[in-house]
Amino acid sequence: NFGIVRNYGPHGLQLAYVGAGRIDLFV
């Protein structure tokens, strides 16, 4: 369903990236 799917590693940074608009969804 999503255009791009990744697993990046550092959980906190990924959530910060959601806040920064760099990542659209974290699950």
PDB file of all heavy atoms in Angstrom:
ATOM      1  N   ASN A   1       0.780  -1.232   0.000  1.00  0.00           N
ATOM      2  CA  ASN A   1       0.000   0.000   0.000  1.00  0.00           C
ATOM      3  C   ASN A   1       0.818   1.293   0.000  1.00  0.00           C
ATOM      4  O   ASN A   1       0.283   2.340  -0.379  1.00  0.00           O
ATOM      5  CB  ASN A   1      -0.926   0.017   1.222  1.00  0.00           C
ATOM      6  CG  ASN A   1      -2.037  -1.008   1.123  1.00  0.00           C
ATOM      7  OD1 ASN A   1      -3.025  -0.797   0.434  1.00  0.00           O
ATOM      8  ND2 ASN A   1      -1.859  -2.145   1.802  1.00  0.00           N
ATOM      9  N   PHE A   2       2.074   1.236   0.423  1.00  0.00           N
ATOM     10  CA  PHE A   2       2.877   2.447   0.492  1.00  0.00           C
ATOM     11  C   PHE A   2       3.927   2.466  -0.609  1.00  0.00           C
ATOM     12  O   PHE A   2       4.429   1.417  -1.027  1.00  0.00           O
ATOM     13  CB  PHE A   2       3.550   2.566   1.863  1.00  0.00           C
ATOM     14  CG  PHE A   2       2.610   2.988   2.955  1.00  0.00           C
ATOM     15  CD1 PHE A   2       1.750   2.071   3.549  1.00  0.00           C
ATOM     16  CD2 PHE A   2       2.569   4.305   3.384  1.00  0.00           C
ATOM     17  CE1 PHE A   2       0.871   2.452   4.554  1.00  0.00           C
ATOM     18  CE2 PHE A   2       1.693   4.704   4.393  1.00  0.00           C
ATOM     19  CZ  PHE A   2       0.846   3.780   4.977  1.00  0.00           C
ATOM     20  N   GLY A   3       4.261   3.673  -1.058  1.00  0.00           N
ATOM     21  CA  GLY A   3       5.198   3.808  -2.162  1.00  0.00           C
ATOM     22  C   GLY A   3       6.587   3.296  -1.843  1.00  0.00           C
ATOM     23  O   GLY A   3       7.236   2.659  -2.667  1.00  0.00           O
ATOM     24  N   ILE A   4       7.070   3.585  -0.626  1.00  0.00           N
ATOM     25  CA  ILE A   4       8.416   3.200  -0.219  1.00  0.00           C
ATOM     26  C   ILE A   4       8.354   2.633   1.191  1.00  0.00           C
ATOM     27  O   ILE A   4       7.715   3.233   2.076  1.00  0.00           O
ATOM     28  CB  ILE A   4       9.369   4.411  -0.234  1.00  0.00           C
ATOM     29  CG1 ILE A   4       9.318   5.133  -1.586  1.00  0.00           C
ATOM     30  CG2 ILE A   4      10.797   3.987   0.075  1.00  0.00           C
ATOM     31  CD1 ILE A   4       9.879   6.522  -1.555  1.00  0.00           C
ATOM     32  N   VAL A   5       9.009   1.502   1.431  1.00  0.00           N
ATOM     33  CA  VAL A   5       9.025   0.860   2.748  1.00  0.00           C
ATOM     34  C   VAL A   5      10.476   0.574   3.125  1.00  0.00           C
ATOM     35  O   VAL A   5      11.236   0.030   2.319  1.00  0.00           O
ATOM     36  CB  VAL A   5       8.211  -0.450   2.745  1.00  0.00           C
ATOM     37  CG1 VAL A   5       8.258  -1.112   4.121  1.00  0.00           C
ATOM     38  CG2 VAL A   5       6.762  -0.178   2.330  1.00  0.00           C
ATOM     39  N   ARG A   6      10.834   0.957   4.345  1.00  0.00           N
ATOM     40  CA  ARG A   6      12.205   0.774   4.806  1.00  0.00           C
ATOM     41  C   ARG A   6      12.223   0.294   6.257  1.00  0.00           C
ATOM     42  O   ARG A   6      11.256   0.446   7.001  1.00  0.00           O
ATOM     43  CB  ARG A   6      12.992   2.089   4.716  1.00  0.00           C
ATOM     44  CG  ARG A   6      13.225   2.600   3.307  1.00  0.00           C
ATOM     45  CD  ARG A   6      14.242   1.739   2.570  1.00  0.00           C
ATOM     46  NE  ARG A   6      14.561   2.282   1.258  1.00  0.00           N
ATOM     47  CZ  ARG A   6      13.907   2.001   0.136  1.00  0.00           C
ATOM     48  NH1 ARG A   6      12.885   1.150   0.184  1.00  0.00           N
ATOM     49  NH2 ARG A   6      14.274   2.533  -1.015  1.00  0.00           N
ATOM     50  N   ASN A   7      13.352  -0.278   6.660  1.00  0.00           N
ATOM     51  CA  ASN A   7      13.686  -0.544   8.059  1.00  0.00           C
ATOM     52  C   ASN A   7      15.067   0.049   8.265  1.00  0.00           C
ATOM     53  O   ASN A   7      16.038  -0.387   7.666  1.00  0.00           O
ATOM     54  CB  ASN A   7      13.690  -2.047   8.351  1.00  0.00           C
ATOM     55  CG  ASN A   7      14.290  -2.359   9.703  1.00  0.00           C
ATOM     56  OD1 ASN A   7      15.436  -2.789   9.785  1.00  0.00           O
ATOM     57  ND2 ASN A   7      13.526  -2.160  10.743  1.00  0.00           N
ATOM     58  N   TYR A   8      15.142   1.093   9.101  1.00  0.00           N
ATOM     59  CA  TYR A   8      16.357   1.890   9.158  1.00  0.00           C
ATOM     60  C   TYR A   8      17.240   1.557  10.345  1.00  0.00           C
ATOM     61  O   TYR A   8      18.459   1.602  10.251  1.00  0.00           O
ATOM     62  CB  TYR A   8      15.987   3.376   9.165  1.00  0.00           C
ATOM     63  CG  TYR A   8      17.172   4.308   9.187  1.00  0.00           C
ATOM     64  CD1 TYR A   8      18.259   4.121   8.326  1.00  0.00           C
ATOM     65  CD2 TYR A   8      17.207   5.386  10.056  1.00  0.00           C
ATOM     66  CE1 TYR A   8      19.353   4.979   8.342  1.00  0.00           C
ATOM     67  CE2 TYR A   8      18.297   6.251  10.081  1.00  0.00           C
ATOM     68  CZ  TYR A   8      19.354   6.042   9.234  1.00  0.00           C
ATOM     69  OH  TYR A   8      20.424   6.887   9.262  1.00  0.00           O
ATOM     70  N   GLY A   9      16.685   1.238  11.508  1.00  0.00           N
ATOM     71  CA  GLY A   9      17.528   0.850  12.636  1.00  0.00           C
ATOM     72  C   GLY A   9      17.283   1.615  13.912  1.00  0.00           C
ATOM     73  O   GLY A   9      16.680   1.086  14.836  1.00  0.00           O
ATOM     74  N   PRO A  10      17.736   2.875  14.015  1.00  0.00           N
ATOM     75  CA  PRO A  10      17.577   3.599  15.281  1.00  0.00           C
ATOM     76  C   PRO A  10      16.132   4.070  15.466  1.00  0.00           C
ATOM     77  O   PRO A  10      15.668   4.963  14.764  1.00  0.00           O
ATOM     78  CB  PRO A  10      18.543   4.786  15.138  1.00  0.00           C
ATOM     79  CG  PRO A  10      18.667   4.994  13.664  1.00  0.00           C
ATOM     80  CD  PRO A  10      18.496   3.659  13.015  1.00  0.00           C
ATOM     81  N   HIS A  11      15.435   3.470  16.417  1.00  0.00           N
ATOM     82  CA  HIS A  11      14.005   3.727  16.589  1.00  0.00           C
ATOM     83  C   HIS A  11      13.714   5.201  16.855  1.00  0.00           C
ATOM     84  O   HIS A  11      12.831   5.802  16.236  1.00  0.00           O
ATOM     85  CB  HIS A  11      13.455   2.900  17.752  1.00  0.00           C
ATOM     86  CG  HIS A  11      13.591   1.424  17.589  1.00  0.00           C
ATOM     87  ND1 HIS A  11      14.809   0.796  17.479  1.00  0.00           N
ATOM     88  CD2 HIS A  11      12.652   0.445  17.555  1.00  0.00           C
ATOM     89  CE1 HIS A  11      14.631  -0.504  17.372  1.00  0.00           C
ATOM     90  NE2 HIS A  11      13.332  -0.742  17.409  1.00  0.00           N
ATOM     91  N   GLY A  12      14.423   5.775  17.828  1.00  0.00           N
ATOM     92  CA  GLY A  12      14.147   7.155  18.202  1.00  0.00           C
ATOM     93  C   GLY A  12      14.346   8.116  17.047  1.00  0.00           C
ATOM     94  O   GLY A  12      13.553   9.043  16.842  1.00  0.00           O
ATOM     95  N   LEU A  13      15.410   7.926  16.282  1.00  0.00           N
ATOM     96  CA  LEU A  13      15.690   8.819  15.164  1.00  0.00           C
ATOM     97  C   LEU A  13      14.605   8.710  14.102  1.00  0.00           C
ATOM     98  O   LEU A  13      14.213   9.715  13.504  1.00  0.00           O
ATOM     99  CB  LEU A  13      17.060   8.496  14.563  1.00  0.00           C
ATOM    100  CG  LEU A  13      17.548   9.444  13.457  1.00  0.00           C
ATOM    101  CD1 LEU A  13      17.659  10.877  13.975  1.00  0.00           C
ATOM    102  CD2 LEU A  13      18.880   8.975  12.894  1.00  0.00           C
ATOM    103  N   GLN A  14      14.109   7.516  13.863  1.00  0.00           N
ATOM    104  CA  GLN A  14      13.027   7.362  12.893  1.00  0.00           C
ATOM    105  C   GLN A  14      11.776   8.130  13.338  1.00  0.00           C
ATOM    106  O   GLN A  14      11.093   8.760  12.527  1.00  0.00           O
ATOM    107  CB  GLN A  14      12.698   5.882  12.703  1.00  0.00           C
ATOM    108  CG  GLN A  14      13.798   5.116  11.995  1.00  0.00           C
ATOM    109  CD  GLN A  14      13.477   3.640  11.877  1.00  0.00           C
ATOM    110  OE1 GLN A  14      12.939   3.205  10.863  1.00  0.00           O
ATOM    111  NE2 GLN A  14      13.775   2.874  12.896  1.00  0.00           N
ATOM    112  N   LEU A  15      11.480   8.077  14.625  1.00  0.00           N
ATOM    113  CA  LEU A  15      10.329   8.822  15.132  1.00  0.00           C
ATOM    114  C   LEU A  15      10.565  10.325  15.033  1.00  0.00           C
ATOM    115  O   LEU A  15       9.644  11.086  14.710  1.00  0.00           O
ATOM    116  CB  LEU A  15      10.035   8.404  16.572  1.00  0.00           C
ATOM    117  CG  LEU A  15       9.491   6.986  16.709  1.00  0.00           C
ATOM    118  CD1 LEU A  15       9.559   6.519  18.161  1.00  0.00           C
ATOM    119  CD2 LEU A  15       8.062   6.906  16.199  1.00  0.00           C
ATOM    120  N   ALA A  16      11.799  10.765  15.289  1.00  0.00           N
ATOM    121  CA  ALA A  16      12.121  12.180  15.093  1.00  0.00           C
ATOM    122  C   ALA A  16      11.962  12.565  13.625  1.00  0.00           C
ATOM    123  O   ALA A  16      11.510  13.677  13.307  1.00  0.00           O
ATOM    124  CB  ALA A  16      13.538  12.464  15.575  1.00  0.00           C
ATOM    125  N   TYR A  17      12.309  11.655  12.734  1.00  0.00           N
ATOM    126  CA  TYR A  17      12.140  11.917  11.300  1.00  0.00           C
ATOM    127  C   TYR A  17      10.670  12.038  10.917  1.00  0.00           C
ATOM    128  O   TYR A  17      10.336  12.764   9.970  1.00  0.00           O
ATOM    129  CB  TYR A  17      12.798  10.808  10.487  1.00  0.00           C
ATOM    130  CG  TYR A  17      14.310  10.922  10.342  1.00  0.00           C
ATOM    131  CD1 TYR A  17      15.023   9.956   9.647  1.00  0.00           C
ATOM    132  CD2 TYR A  17      15.022  11.983  10.889  1.00  0.00           C
ATOM    133  CE1 TYR A  17      16.390  10.042   9.492  1.00  0.00           C
ATOM    134  CE2 TYR A  17      16.391  12.079  10.752  1.00  0.00           C
ATOM    135  CZ  TYR A  17      17.076  11.105  10.050  1.00  0.00           C
ATOM    136  OH  TYR A  17      18.448  11.206   9.900  1.00  0.00           O
ATOM    137  N   VAL A  18       9.787  11.314  11.612  1.00  0.00           N
ATOM    138  CA  VAL A  18       8.348  11.531  11.385  1.00  0.00           C
ATOM    139  C   VAL A  18       8.004  12.973  11.743  1.00  0.00           C
ATOM    140  O   VAL A  18       7.312  13.684  11.006  1.00  0.00           O
ATOM    141  CB  VAL A  18       7.496  10.550  12.206  1.00  0.00           C
ATOM    142  CG1 VAL A  18       5.998  10.899  12.061  1.00  0.00           C
ATOM    143  CG2 VAL A  18       7.729   9.111  11.749  1.00  0.00           C
ATOM    144  N   GLY A  19       8.511  13.434  12.896  1.00  0.00           N
ATOM    145  CA  GLY A  19       8.280  14.807  13.295  1.00  0.00           C
ATOM    146  C   GLY A  19       8.831  15.815  12.301  1.00  0.00           C
ATOM    147  O   GLY A  19       8.263  16.899  12.119  1.00  0.00           O
ATOM    148  N   ALA A  20       9.927  15.462  11.639  1.00  0.00           N
ATOM    149  CA  ALA A  20      10.567  16.362  10.671  1.00  0.00           C
ATOM    150  C   ALA A  20       9.972  16.245   9.274  1.00  0.00           C
ATOM    151  O   ALA A  20      10.417  16.960   8.365  1.00  0.00           O
ATOM    152  CB  ALA A  20      12.063  16.073  10.627  1.00  0.00           C
ATOM    153  N   GLY A  21       9.005  15.350   9.067  1.00  0.00           N
ATOM    154  CA  GLY A  21       8.407  15.178   7.754  1.00  0.00           C
ATOM    155  C   GLY A  21       9.234  14.350   6.796  1.00  0.00           C
ATOM    156  O   GLY A  21       8.919  14.250   5.607  1.00  0.00           O
ATOM    157  N   ARG A  22      10.302  13.721   7.280  1.00  0.00           N
ATOM    158  CA  ARG A  22      11.164  12.912   6.418  1.00  0.00           C
ATOM    159  C   ARG A  22      10.617  11.499   6.254  1.00  0.00           C
ATOM    160  O   ARG A  22      10.853  10.846   5.238  1.00  0.00           O
ATOM    161  CB  ARG A  22      12.577  12.850   7.000  1.00  0.00           C
ATOM    162  CG  ARG A  22      13.239  14.219   7.128  1.00  0.00           C
ATOM    163  CD  ARG A  22      14.591  14.114   7.825  1.00  0.00           C
ATOM    164  NE  ARG A  22      15.216  15.416   7.986  1.00  0.00           N
ATOM    165  CZ  ARG A  22      16.380  15.622   8.585  1.00  0.00           C
ATOM    166  NH1 ARG A  22      17.048  14.578   9.089  1.00  0.00           N
ATOM    167  NH2 ARG A  22      16.875  16.836   8.695  1.00  0.00           N
ATOM    168  N   ILE A  23       9.964  11.000   7.279  1.00  0.00           N
ATOM    169  CA  ILE A  23       9.286   9.706   7.251  1.00  0.00           C
ATOM    170  C   ILE A  23       7.806   9.970   7.461  1.00  0.00           C
ATOM    171  O   ILE A  23       7.425  10.792   8.305  1.00  0.00           O
ATOM    172  CB  ILE A  23       9.849   8.767   8.331  1.00  0.00           C
ATOM    173  CG1 ILE A  23      11.265   8.299   7.952  1.00  0.00           C
ATOM    174  CG2 ILE A  23       8.936   7.573   8.566  1.00  0.00           C
ATOM    175  CD1 ILE A  23      11.961   7.489   9.025  1.00  0.00           C
ATOM    176  N   ASP A  24       6.967   9.278   6.711  1.00  0.00           N
ATOM    177  CA  ASP A  24       5.539   9.551   6.760  1.00  0.00           C
ATOM    178  C   ASP A  24       4.789   8.676   7.767  1.00  0.00           C
ATOM    179  O   ASP A  24       3.749   9.095   8.284  1.00  0.00           O
ATOM    180  CB  ASP A  24       4.920   9.360   5.370  1.00  0.00           C
ATOM    181  CG  ASP A  24       5.523  10.319   4.364  1.00  0.00           C
ATOM    182  OD1 ASP A  24       5.249  11.526   4.456  1.00  0.00           O
ATOM    183  OD2 ASP A  24       6.306   9.858   3.503  1.00  0.00           O
ATOM    184  N   LEU A  25       5.315   7.480   8.038  1.00  0.00           N
ATOM    185  CA  LEU A  25       4.634   6.584   8.976  1.00  0.00           C
ATOM    186  C   LEU A  25       5.637   5.639   9.608  1.00  0.00           C
ATOM    187  O   LEU A  25       6.527   5.114   8.924  1.00  0.00           O
ATOM    188  CB  LEU A  25       3.536   5.794   8.264  1.00  0.00           C
ATOM    189  CG  LEU A  25       2.752   4.778   9.115  1.00  0.00           C
ATOM    190  CD1 LEU A  25       1.260   4.827   8.772  1.00  0.00           C
ATOM    191  CD2 LEU A  25       3.279   3.352   8.912  1.00  0.00           C
ATOM    192  N   PHE A  26       5.502   5.446  10.917  1.00  0.00           N
ATOM    193  CA  PHE A  26       6.315   4.484  11.677  1.00  0.00           C
ATOM    194  C   PHE A  26       5.360   3.486  12.306  1.00  0.00           C
ATOM    195  O   PHE A  26       4.346   3.858  12.908  1.00  0.00           O
ATOM    196  CB  PHE A  26       7.089   5.212  12.777  1.00  0.00           C
ATOM    197  CG  PHE A  26       7.866   4.310  13.710  1.00  0.00           C
ATOM    198  CD1 PHE A  26       9.229   4.157  13.553  1.00  0.00           C
ATOM    199  CD2 PHE A  26       7.240   3.628  14.747  1.00  0.00           C
ATOM    200  CE1 PHE A  26       9.958   3.330  14.417  1.00  0.00           C
ATOM    201  CE2 PHE A  26       7.945   2.796  15.605  1.00  0.00           C
ATOM    202  CZ  PHE A  26       9.314   2.649  15.438  1.00  0.00           C
ATOM    203  N   VAL A  27       5.703   2.193  12.206  1.00  0.00           N
ATOM    204  CA  VAL A  27       4.860   1.173  12.835  1.00  0.00           C
ATOM    205  C   VAL A  27       5.735   0.070  13.415  1.00  0.00           C
ATOM    206  O   VAL A  27       6.761  -0.308  12.833  1.00  0.00           O
ATOM    207  CB  VAL A  27       3.831   0.593  11.833  1.00  0.00           C
ATOM    208  CG1 VAL A  27       4.513  -0.110  10.667  1.00  0.00           C
ATOM    209  CG2 VAL A  27       2.856  -0.343  12.532  1.00  0.00           C
TER     210      VAL A  27
END
